[in-house]
C-alpha atoms as a PDB file:
ATOM      1  CA  MET A   1      11.235   3.593   4.554  1.00  0.00           C
ATOM      2  CA  PRO A   2       8.391   4.383   6.960  1.00  0.00           C
ATOM      3  CA  THR A   3       6.337   1.331   7.866  1.00  0.00           C
ATOM      4  CA  LEU A   4       2.816   2.657   8.235  1.00  0.00           C
ATOM      5  CA  HIS A   5       0.939  -0.482   9.219  1.00  0.00           C
ATOM      6  CA  ARG A   6       1.560  -4.138  10.035  1.00  0.00           C
ATOM      7  CA  PHE A   7      -0.916  -7.003   9.716  1.00  0.00           C
ATOM      8  CA  ASP A   8      -0.727 -10.758   9.171  1.00  0.00           C
ATOM      9  CA  GLY A   9       3.087 -10.619   9.159  1.00  0.00           C
ATOM     10  CA  LEU A  10       3.095  -7.951   6.417  1.00  0.00           C
ATOM     11  CA  SER A  11       4.392  -4.377   6.388  1.00  0.00           C
ATOM     12  CA  VAL A  12       2.755  -1.516   4.488  1.00  0.00           C
ATOM     13  CA  VAL A  13       5.450   0.936   3.371  1.00  0.00           C
ATOM     14  CA  ILE A  14       5.729   4.268   1.555  1.00  0.00           C
ATOM     15  CA  TYR A  15       9.237   5.118   0.370  1.00  0.00           C
ATOM     16  CA  PRO A  16      10.235   8.771   0.931  1.00  0.00           C
ATOM     17  CA  ASN A  17      11.971   9.079  -2.451  1.00  0.00           C
ATOM     18  CA  ASP A  18       9.208   7.346  -4.441  1.00  0.00           C
ATOM     19  CA  HIS A  19       7.199   8.640  -7.398  1.00  0.00           C
ATOM     20  CA  ARG A  20       3.563   9.388  -8.141  1.00  0.00           C
ATOM     21  CA  PRO A  21       0.880   8.164  -8.320  1.00  0.00           C
ATOM     22  CA  ALA A  22       0.314   7.595  -4.610  1.00  0.00           C
ATOM     23  CA  HIS A  23       0.977   3.953  -3.834  1.00  0.00           C
ATOM     24  CA  VAL A  24       2.147   1.578  -1.126  1.00  0.00           C
ATOM     25  CA  HIS A  25       4.408  -1.438  -1.056  1.00  0.00           C
ATOM     26  CA  VAL A  26       3.220  -4.406   0.998  1.00  0.00           C
ATOM     27  CA  ARG A  27       6.063  -6.745   1.951  1.00  0.00           C
ATOM     28  CA  GLY A  28       6.489  -9.897   3.961  1.00  0.00           C
ATOM     29  CA  ASN A  29       5.923 -13.653   4.016  1.00  0.00           C
ATOM     30  CA  GLY A  30       8.136 -14.001   0.935  1.00  0.00           C
ATOM     31  CA  GLY A  31       6.152 -11.640  -1.272  1.00  0.00           C
ATOM     32  CA  GLU A  32       5.640  -8.051  -2.277  1.00  0.00           C
ATOM     33  CA  ALA A  33       2.687  -6.225  -3.788  1.00  0.00           C
ATOM     34  CA  ILE A  34       2.340  -2.649  -4.970  1.00  0.00           C
ATOM     35  CA  PHE A  35      -1.062  -0.994  -4.806  1.00  0.00           C
ATOM     36  CA  ILE A  36      -1.958   2.355  -6.349  1.00  0.00           C
ATOM     37  CA  LEU A  37      -4.137   4.146  -3.793  1.00  0.00           C
ATOM     38  CA  HIS A  38      -6.185   6.443  -6.078  1.00  0.00           C
ATOM     39  CA  CYS A  39      -6.194   9.099  -3.349  1.00  0.00           C
ATOM     40  CA  PRO A  40      -8.226  10.472  -1.853  1.00  0.00           C
ATOM     41  CA  ASP A  41     -11.270   8.330  -2.706  1.00  0.00           C
ATOM     42  CA  GLY A  42      -9.833   4.986  -3.792  1.00  0.00           C
ATOM     43  CA  PRO A  43     -10.261   2.175  -4.255  1.00  0.00           C
ATOM     44  CA  PRO A  44      -6.746   0.749  -4.083  1.00  0.00           C
ATOM     45  CA  GLU A  45      -5.701  -1.088  -7.243  1.00  0.00           C
ATOM     46  CA  LEU A  46      -3.102  -3.824  -7.541  1.00  0.00           C
ATOM     47  CA  ARG A  47      -0.265  -2.700  -9.810  1.00  0.00           C
ATOM     48  CA  GLU A  48       1.970  -5.727  -9.446  1.00  0.00           C
ATOM     49  CA  THR A  49       2.763  -8.598  -7.141  1.00  0.00           C
ATOM     50  CA  PHE A  50       5.097 -11.519  -6.728  1.00  0.00           C
ATOM     51  CA  GLY A  51       5.130 -14.256  -4.134  1.00  0.00           C
ATOM     52  CA  PHE A  52       1.518 -13.820  -2.963  1.00  0.00           C
ATOM     53  CA  ARG A  53      -1.376 -16.096  -3.816  1.00  0.00           C
ATOM     54  CA  ARG A  54      -4.643 -14.668  -5.080  1.00  0.00           C
ATOM     55  CA  ALA A  55      -6.331 -15.067  -1.665  1.00  0.00           C
ATOM     56  CA  GLU A  56      -3.486 -13.163   0.010  1.00  0.00           C
ATOM     57  CA  VAL A  57      -3.774 -10.332  -2.510  1.00  0.00           C
ATOM     58  CA  ALA A  58      -7.518 -10.135  -1.829  1.00  0.00           C
ATOM     59  CA  ARG A  59      -6.849  -9.932   1.937  1.00  0.00           C
ATOM     60  CA  ILE A  60      -4.252  -7.184   1.381  1.00  0.00           C
ATOM     61  CA  ASP A  61      -6.684  -5.247  -0.811  1.00  0.00           C
ATOM     62  CA  GLU A  62      -9.346  -5.497   1.897  1.00  0.00           C
ATOM     63  CA  GLU A  63      -6.935  -4.209   4.553  1.00  0.00           C
ATOM     64  CA  LEU A  64      -5.710  -1.321   2.401  1.00  0.00           C
ATOM     65  CA  THR A  65      -9.273  -0.312   1.573  1.00  0.00           C
ATOM     66  CA  SER A  66     -10.049  -0.056   5.287  1.00  0.00           C
ATOM     67  CA  LEU A  67      -6.948   2.148   5.767  1.00  0.00           C
ATOM     68  CA  LEU A  68      -7.282   4.280   2.630  1.00  0.00           C
ATOM     69  CA  THR A  69      -7.835   7.649   4.324  1.00  0.00           C
ATOM     70  CA  THR A  70      -4.878   7.152   6.652  1.00  0.00           C
ATOM     71  CA  LEU A  71      -2.595   5.898   3.880  1.00  0.00           C
ATOM     72  CA  CYS A  72      -3.464   8.877   1.672  1.00  0.00           C
ATOM     73  CA  GLN A  73      -2.739  11.241   4.558  1.00  0.00           C
ATOM     74  CA  HIS A  74       0.655   9.593   5.075  1.00  0.00           C
ATOM     75  CA  TRP A  75       1.451   9.841   1.357  1.00  0.00           C
ATOM     76  CA  ARG A  76       0.573  13.527   1.388  1.00  0.00           C
ATOM     77  CA  THR A  77       2.686  14.139   4.532  1.00  0.00           C
ATOM     78  CA  ILE A  78       5.703  12.426   2.979  1.00  0.00           C
ATOM     79  CA  HIS A  79       5.341  13.684  -0.614  1.00  0.00           C
ATOM     80  CA  GLY A  80       3.192  16.819  -0.360  1.00  0.00           C
ATOM     81  CA  HIS A  81       0.808  15.774  -3.150  1.00  0.00           C
ATOM     82  CA  TYR A  82      -0.907  12.692  -4.559  1.00  0.00           C
END
């Protein structure tokens, strides 16, 4: 489970044995959210969440948007395709 980025006590993860479409799991602070990346152009889209408030989800979305190119490159490195 490669952690690709950390911010605000959260970890952004791509699982090596995961499925398409390209997505990340954001975990920490008692919650988890899954965002579909819509590689290569975005924008990230919330698929599901539990344990995060709406403001936290908005902050996560903002952070993932700023990292989209890098996250898509990591997905492609791990999985070979989007």
